[in-house]
Amino acid sequence: MINFKPVDTAENSAGYVAFDEAGNEIGKCAFTYNTLEMKFTSISGNNESVVEGLARSAMNYCANRGVYLATVTAGMLSPAFIKLGFSADELTREIPEVLTSTCCGCGS
């Protein structure tokens, strides 16, 4: 089982750290947010499932604070973000849509 734990870093910024069953850190992300939008500032993990879990955790954290949009940079696009529906043409997505979608990034 992978555990995702939030880390508050400063006002309007936070992060998540992913740990494996043995308690070893296997990924982390950082993001900023305001009343409308969150922006990923960094994300890394030992595989794409960890990256996707971190991204989903971060977006859920922000959604629980009333944030509606999530933005990534083109340099962060990875199979995990593409699976969540982000693309070079769509770097900003609506968080509720991303979190409730079962889309594989095919655009449907």
N, C-alpha and C. Protein backbone atom coordinates (compact mmCIF):
# COMPACT_ATOMS: atom_id res chain seq x y z
N MET A 1 0.83 -1.17 0.00
CA MET A 1 0.00 0.00 0.00
C MET A 1 0.88 1.24 0.00
N ILE A 2 0.45 2.23 -0.73
CA ILE A 2 1.16 3.51 -0.78
C ILE A 2 0.40 4.50 0.08
N ASN A 3 1.09 5.25 0.89
CA ASN A 3 0.49 6.29 1.71
C ASN A 3 0.91 7.65 1.17
N PHE A 4 -0.06 8.55 1.06
CA PHE A 4 0.17 9.92 0.61
C PHE A 4 -0.12 10.85 1.77
N LYS A 5 0.89 11.59 2.20
CA LYS A 5 0.73 12.47 3.36
C LYS A 5 0.96 13.92 2.96
N PRO A 6 0.03 14.80 3.37
CA PRO A 6 0.17 16.23 3.03
C PRO A 6 1.25 16.90 3.86
N VAL A 7 1.87 17.90 3.26
CA VAL A 7 2.89 18.71 3.93
C VAL A 7 2.55 20.16 3.63
N ASP A 8 2.14 20.92 4.65
CA ASP A 8 1.91 22.35 4.47
C ASP A 8 3.26 23.04 4.52
N THR A 9 3.59 23.78 3.47
CA THR A 9 4.91 24.39 3.41
C THR A 9 4.88 25.89 3.72
N ALA A 10 3.84 26.58 3.32
CA ALA A 10 3.69 28.01 3.56
C ALA A 10 2.26 28.38 3.23
N GLU A 11 1.89 29.60 3.49
CA GLU A 11 0.54 30.02 3.14
C GLU A 11 0.33 29.88 1.64
N ASN A 12 -0.76 29.26 1.26
CA ASN A 12 -1.13 29.03 -0.14
C ASN A 12 -0.16 28.16 -0.90
N SER A 13 0.60 27.35 -0.22
CA SER A 13 1.40 26.33 -0.89
C SER A 13 1.47 25.11 0.02
N ALA A 14 1.59 23.98 -0.60
CA ALA A 14 1.61 22.73 0.15
C ALA A 14 2.27 21.67 -0.71
N GLY A 15 2.26 20.45 -0.24
CA GLY A 15 2.81 19.35 -0.98
C GLY A 15 2.32 18.03 -0.44
N TYR A 16 2.71 16.98 -1.09
CA TYR A 16 2.42 15.62 -0.65
C TYR A 16 3.69 14.80 -0.77
N VAL A 17 3.83 13.86 0.12
CA VAL A 17 4.93 12.90 0.07
C VAL A 17 4.31 11.51 0.03
N ALA A 18 4.83 10.65 -0.84
CA ALA A 18 4.35 9.28 -0.95
C ALA A 18 5.36 8.35 -0.27
N PHE A 19 4.82 7.40 0.49
CA PHE A 19 5.65 6.43 1.20
C PHE A 19 5.19 5.02 0.84
N ASP A 20 6.15 4.09 0.71
CA ASP A 20 5.79 2.70 0.49
C ASP A 20 5.46 2.03 1.83
N GLU A 21 5.15 0.74 1.81
CA GLU A 21 4.75 0.02 3.02
C GLU A 21 5.82 0.04 4.11
N ALA A 22 7.07 0.11 3.70
CA ALA A 22 8.17 0.11 4.66
C ALA A 22 8.47 1.51 5.21
N GLY A 23 7.73 2.52 4.72
CA GLY A 23 7.95 3.89 5.18
C GLY A 23 9.00 4.65 4.40
N ASN A 24 9.45 4.09 3.28
CA ASN A 24 10.44 4.77 2.44
C ASN A 24 9.75 5.77 1.52
N GLU A 25 10.33 6.95 1.39
CA GLU A 25 9.79 7.97 0.49
C GLU A 25 9.98 7.51 -0.95
N ILE A 26 8.87 7.53 -1.71
CA ILE A 26 8.94 7.09 -3.11
C ILE A 26 8.46 8.16 -4.09
N GLY A 27 8.10 9.33 -3.57
CA GLY A 27 7.70 10.41 -4.45
C GLY A 27 7.25 11.61 -3.65
N LYS A 28 7.17 12.75 -4.35
CA LYS A 28 6.68 13.96 -3.69
C LYS A 28 6.24 14.97 -4.73
N CYS A 29 5.40 15.88 -4.28
CA CYS A 29 4.97 16.97 -5.16
C CYS A 29 4.80 18.23 -4.34
N ALA A 30 4.82 19.35 -5.01
CA ALA A 30 4.60 20.65 -4.39
C ALA A 30 3.68 21.44 -5.31
N PHE A 31 2.89 22.32 -4.70
CA PHE A 31 1.95 23.11 -5.48
C PHE A 31 1.60 24.38 -4.72
N THR A 32 1.13 25.36 -5.47
CA THR A 32 0.60 26.59 -4.90
C THR A 32 -0.89 26.64 -5.24
N TYR A 33 -1.64 27.42 -4.49
CA TYR A 33 -3.06 27.53 -4.78
C TYR A 33 -3.61 28.86 -4.28
N ASN A 34 -4.70 29.27 -4.91
CA ASN A 34 -5.46 30.44 -4.46
C ASN A 34 -6.93 30.07 -4.52
N THR A 35 -7.81 31.02 -4.48
CA THR A 35 -9.24 30.71 -4.41
C THR A 35 -9.77 30.08 -5.69
N LEU A 36 -9.08 30.17 -6.80
CA LEU A 36 -9.56 29.63 -8.07
C LEU A 36 -8.71 28.50 -8.61
N GLU A 37 -7.38 28.62 -8.49
CA GLU A 37 -6.49 27.73 -9.24
C GLU A 37 -5.34 27.21 -8.39
N MET A 38 -4.97 25.96 -8.66
CA MET A 38 -3.75 25.39 -8.10
C MET A 38 -2.76 25.20 -9.24
N LYS A 39 -1.47 25.31 -8.92
CA LYS A 39 -0.42 25.08 -9.92
C LYS A 39 0.61 24.14 -9.33
N PHE A 40 0.86 23.06 -10.04
CA PHE A 40 1.92 22.15 -9.63
C PHE A 40 3.26 22.83 -9.88
N THR A 41 4.13 22.83 -8.88
CA THR A 41 5.45 23.42 -9.05
C THR A 41 6.52 22.34 -9.22
N SER A 42 6.26 21.15 -8.68
CA SER A 42 7.15 20.02 -8.89
C SER A 42 6.41 18.73 -8.57
N ILE A 43 6.83 17.66 -9.22
CA ILE A 43 6.26 16.34 -8.93
C ILE A 43 7.24 15.28 -9.42
N SER A 44 7.44 14.26 -8.60
CA SER A 44 8.31 13.15 -8.99
C SER A 44 7.90 11.91 -8.22
N GLY A 45 8.15 10.78 -8.81
CA GLY A 45 7.84 9.52 -8.16
C GLY A 45 8.60 8.39 -8.82
N ASN A 46 8.66 7.26 -8.13
CA ASN A 46 9.45 6.15 -8.67
C ASN A 46 8.71 5.40 -9.78
N ASN A 47 7.41 5.72 -10.00
CA ASN A 47 6.68 5.19 -11.16
C ASN A 47 5.46 6.07 -11.43
N GLU A 48 4.80 5.83 -12.54
CA GLU A 48 3.69 6.69 -12.94
C GLU A 48 2.47 6.55 -12.02
N SER A 49 2.29 5.39 -11.39
CA SER A 49 1.18 5.23 -10.45
C SER A 49 1.37 6.14 -9.24
N VAL A 50 2.59 6.28 -8.78
CA VAL A 50 2.89 7.18 -7.66
C VAL A 50 2.65 8.62 -8.08
N VAL A 51 3.09 9.00 -9.26
CA VAL A 51 2.89 10.36 -9.76
C VAL A 51 1.39 10.65 -9.88
N GLU A 52 0.63 9.71 -10.41
CA GLU A 52 -0.81 9.91 -10.52
C GLU A 52 -1.45 10.05 -9.14
N GLY A 53 -1.06 9.22 -8.19
CA GLY A 53 -1.59 9.30 -6.84
C GLY A 53 -1.27 10.63 -6.17
N LEU A 54 -0.06 11.11 -6.37
CA LEU A 54 0.32 12.41 -5.82
C LEU A 54 -0.51 13.52 -6.45
N ALA A 55 -0.68 13.47 -7.76
CA ALA A 55 -1.46 14.50 -8.46
C ALA A 55 -2.91 14.49 -7.98
N ARG A 56 -3.50 13.31 -7.88
CA ARG A 56 -4.87 13.21 -7.42
C ARG A 56 -5.00 13.70 -5.97
N SER A 57 -4.06 13.34 -5.12
CA SER A 57 -4.09 13.78 -3.73
C SER A 57 -4.01 15.30 -3.64
N ALA A 58 -3.11 15.88 -4.42
CA ALA A 58 -2.94 17.34 -4.41
C ALA A 58 -4.20 18.04 -4.91
N MET A 59 -4.78 17.53 -5.98
CA MET A 59 -6.00 18.16 -6.50
C MET A 59 -7.16 18.02 -5.51
N ASN A 60 -7.27 16.88 -4.85
CA ASN A 60 -8.31 16.70 -3.85
C ASN A 60 -8.11 17.65 -2.67
N TYR A 61 -6.86 17.82 -2.24
CA TYR A 61 -6.53 18.76 -1.17
C TYR A 61 -7.05 20.15 -1.53
N CYS A 62 -6.78 20.57 -2.76
CA CYS A 62 -7.20 21.90 -3.20
C CYS A 62 -8.71 21.98 -3.39
N ALA A 63 -9.30 20.94 -3.93
CA ALA A 63 -10.76 20.93 -4.12
C ALA A 63 -11.46 21.08 -2.77
N ASN A 64 -10.92 20.48 -1.74
CA ASN A 64 -11.51 20.60 -0.40
C ASN A 64 -11.39 22.01 0.15
N ARG A 65 -10.61 22.86 -0.48
CA ARG A 65 -10.45 24.26 -0.09
C ARG A 65 -11.12 25.19 -1.09
N GLY A 66 -11.97 24.63 -1.95
CA GLY A 66 -12.74 25.43 -2.89
C GLY A 66 -12.04 25.78 -4.19
N VAL A 67 -10.88 25.23 -4.43
CA VAL A 67 -10.13 25.50 -5.66
C VAL A 67 -10.75 24.70 -6.80
N TYR A 68 -10.87 25.31 -7.96
CA TYR A 68 -11.61 24.71 -9.07
C TYR A 68 -10.73 24.25 -10.24
N LEU A 69 -9.60 24.90 -10.47
CA LEU A 69 -8.75 24.59 -11.63
C LEU A 69 -7.38 24.08 -11.21
N ALA A 70 -6.83 23.19 -12.01
CA ALA A 70 -5.47 22.68 -11.79
C ALA A 70 -4.65 22.95 -13.05
N THR A 71 -3.42 23.41 -12.86
CA THR A 71 -2.53 23.72 -13.98
C THR A 71 -1.20 23.02 -13.80
N VAL A 72 -0.69 22.47 -14.90
CA VAL A 72 0.65 21.90 -14.94
C VAL A 72 1.43 22.64 -16.02
N THR A 73 2.74 22.56 -15.97
CA THR A 73 3.56 23.12 -17.03
C THR A 73 3.78 22.03 -18.08
N ALA A 74 4.12 22.45 -19.27
CA ALA A 74 4.36 21.48 -20.35
C ALA A 74 5.48 20.51 -19.97
N GLY A 75 6.46 20.99 -19.21
CA GLY A 75 7.56 20.12 -18.80
C GLY A 75 7.16 19.04 -17.81
N MET A 76 6.00 19.18 -17.17
CA MET A 76 5.52 18.19 -16.21
C MET A 76 4.65 17.12 -16.86
N LEU A 77 4.26 17.32 -18.11
CA LEU A 77 3.40 16.34 -18.75
C LEU A 77 4.10 14.99 -18.77
N SER A 78 3.44 14.02 -18.20
CA SER A 78 3.96 12.66 -18.13
C SER A 78 2.78 11.75 -18.42
N PRO A 79 3.02 10.46 -18.59
CA PRO A 79 1.89 9.55 -18.81
C PRO A 79 0.81 9.67 -17.73
N ALA A 80 1.21 9.94 -16.49
CA ALA A 80 0.21 10.07 -15.41
C ALA A 80 -0.68 11.27 -15.65
N PHE A 81 -0.12 12.42 -16.00
CA PHE A 81 -0.94 13.61 -16.24
C PHE A 81 -1.76 13.46 -17.52
N ILE A 82 -1.21 12.81 -18.52
CA ILE A 82 -1.96 12.57 -19.76
C ILE A 82 -3.15 11.65 -19.47
N LYS A 83 -2.94 10.65 -18.63
CA LYS A 83 -4.03 9.76 -18.23
C LYS A 83 -5.14 10.54 -17.53
N LEU A 84 -4.77 11.58 -16.80
CA LEU A 84 -5.75 12.42 -16.11
C LEU A 84 -6.41 13.44 -17.03
N GLY A 85 -6.00 13.47 -18.30
CA GLY A 85 -6.65 14.34 -19.27
C GLY A 85 -5.90 15.61 -19.62
N PHE A 86 -4.74 15.84 -19.02
CA PHE A 86 -3.94 17.01 -19.37
C PHE A 86 -3.24 16.73 -20.70
N SER A 87 -2.96 17.78 -21.44
CA SER A 87 -2.24 17.63 -22.71
C SER A 87 -1.51 18.93 -23.01
N ALA A 88 -0.69 18.91 -24.04
CA ALA A 88 0.03 20.12 -24.44
C ALA A 88 -0.95 21.23 -24.82
N ASP A 89 -2.12 20.84 -25.30
CA ASP A 89 -3.15 21.82 -25.68
C ASP A 89 -4.04 22.20 -24.50
N GLU A 90 -4.00 21.42 -23.44
CA GLU A 90 -4.87 21.66 -22.29
C GLU A 90 -4.07 21.45 -21.00
N LEU A 91 -3.31 22.49 -20.62
CA LEU A 91 -2.49 22.42 -19.41
C LEU A 91 -3.28 22.77 -18.15
N THR A 92 -4.47 23.31 -18.32
CA THR A 92 -5.35 23.63 -17.19
C THR A 92 -6.63 22.83 -17.34
N ARG A 93 -7.02 22.16 -16.26
CA ARG A 93 -8.24 21.34 -16.26
C ARG A 93 -9.08 21.66 -15.04
N GLU A 94 -10.36 21.39 -15.11
CA GLU A 94 -11.26 21.54 -13.98
C GLU A 94 -11.05 20.35 -13.04
N ILE A 95 -10.76 20.64 -11.78
CA ILE A 95 -10.46 19.58 -10.81
C ILE A 95 -11.60 18.57 -10.68
N PRO A 96 -12.86 19.00 -10.54
CA PRO A 96 -13.92 18.00 -10.41
C PRO A 96 -13.98 17.04 -11.60
N GLU A 97 -13.74 17.57 -12.79
CA GLU A 97 -13.75 16.73 -13.99
C GLU A 97 -12.62 15.72 -13.96
N VAL A 98 -11.44 16.16 -13.56
CA VAL A 98 -10.29 15.27 -13.50
C VAL A 98 -10.50 14.16 -12.46
N LEU A 99 -10.99 14.54 -11.30
CA LEU A 99 -11.12 13.57 -10.21
C LEU A 99 -12.26 12.60 -10.42
N THR A 100 -13.26 12.93 -11.21
CA THR A 100 -14.37 12.02 -11.44
C THR A 100 -14.28 11.30 -12.76
N SER A 101 -13.32 11.66 -13.58
CA SER A 101 -13.18 11.06 -14.91
C SER A 101 -12.53 9.70 -14.82
N THR A 102 -12.94 8.82 -15.70
CA THR A 102 -12.27 7.54 -15.86
C THR A 102 -11.50 7.53 -17.17
N CYS A 103 -11.34 8.70 -17.73
CA CYS A 103 -10.70 8.84 -19.04
C CYS A 103 -9.24 8.43 -18.99
N CYS A 104 -8.80 7.89 -20.09
CA CYS A 104 -7.41 7.47 -20.22
C CYS A 104 -6.58 8.52 -20.93
N GLY A 105 -7.13 9.72 -21.09
CA GLY A 105 -6.41 10.78 -21.80
C GLY A 105 -6.72 10.79 -23.27
N CYS A 106 -7.73 10.03 -23.69
CA CYS A 106 -8.05 9.94 -25.11
C CYS A 106 -8.90 11.10 -25.59
N GLY A 107 -9.36 11.94 -24.65
CA GLY A 107 -10.15 13.10 -25.02
C GLY A 107 -11.65 12.85 -24.99
N SER A 108 -12.07 11.65 -24.66
CA SER A 108 -13.52 11.37 -24.62
C SER A 108 -14.06 11.44 -23.21
